[in-house]
């Protein structure tokens, strides 16, 4: 029976859930937030990769998803290959929208806002060399934006001065005035998109990959005949690996996305599901 699991370090992947709901009516969408080590962009790669693979194994074993959405750029760029090698479930990842930005730019200078880990990882350089070889890519590892996004989801708009300071880290770089397209390289930033459009230069086009990721999930489900049966009768599960802060402020947003008042549940990771072979 069809079932989707979305995974992120916090609430960032809920932007993808919001896009999935109208595309997959009646299909349960479980969500797991690894709040015990949020934010992922500040964690060592080796520790994080092992943790993601172990945690996903436990979640796959318990929730039996048809498709897993790794709704996190840091996790996708670091662990997606390891996850696909370890488990038989189809995975859909999130990567910085470099190709999309290169296709959209008129100036040849594109920008990327992401976590510091994503910005400095070789994966980004490989994406740029492959999909934007004729463009200048300027990236900013914006440590404060993920926290601002968490607060925005809870109903607290970002402080305009702090938001402008983060954007200045991108547009204030040498050559930054030529940026005409900015890609969001962290799923959390979906919840700041309107604020960034207002605070940023008026000529800039902002690219949020969430709708494209959601469409890819639907294609994966449709391409797997064994997965297109009736939906599971088990209600949507929303889980954290550690108690979230300010749960009362979190509940309205979760409810709007179809998660009931009995959420969130605490996810105690059991040993990972058996590997292939």
Foldseek 3Di string as FASTA:
>chain_A
DAAEEEEAQDCLLVLLLVLQCVVDPQAFYAYEHAPVDPPPLVDDLVVVQVVVLFQVLLCCVVVVHQEYEDQWQLCCLRHVVVNVQFDVHHYQYDHWPQLVLLVPDPLLEAEEEAAPNNVPDVSVVVCCVVRRVSGHYFYARQPCQLVQLNVLLLPDHDDLVSLLVSVCRGLVPVVSVSHAEYEYGTSSCVSCVVVCCVNDDVRHHYDYCSNVSSVVVVVVQVVDVVNPDRHDPDHHAYEYQDDDPPVVSNVVSVVVSPDDPVDDHHDDRDGGHGTDD
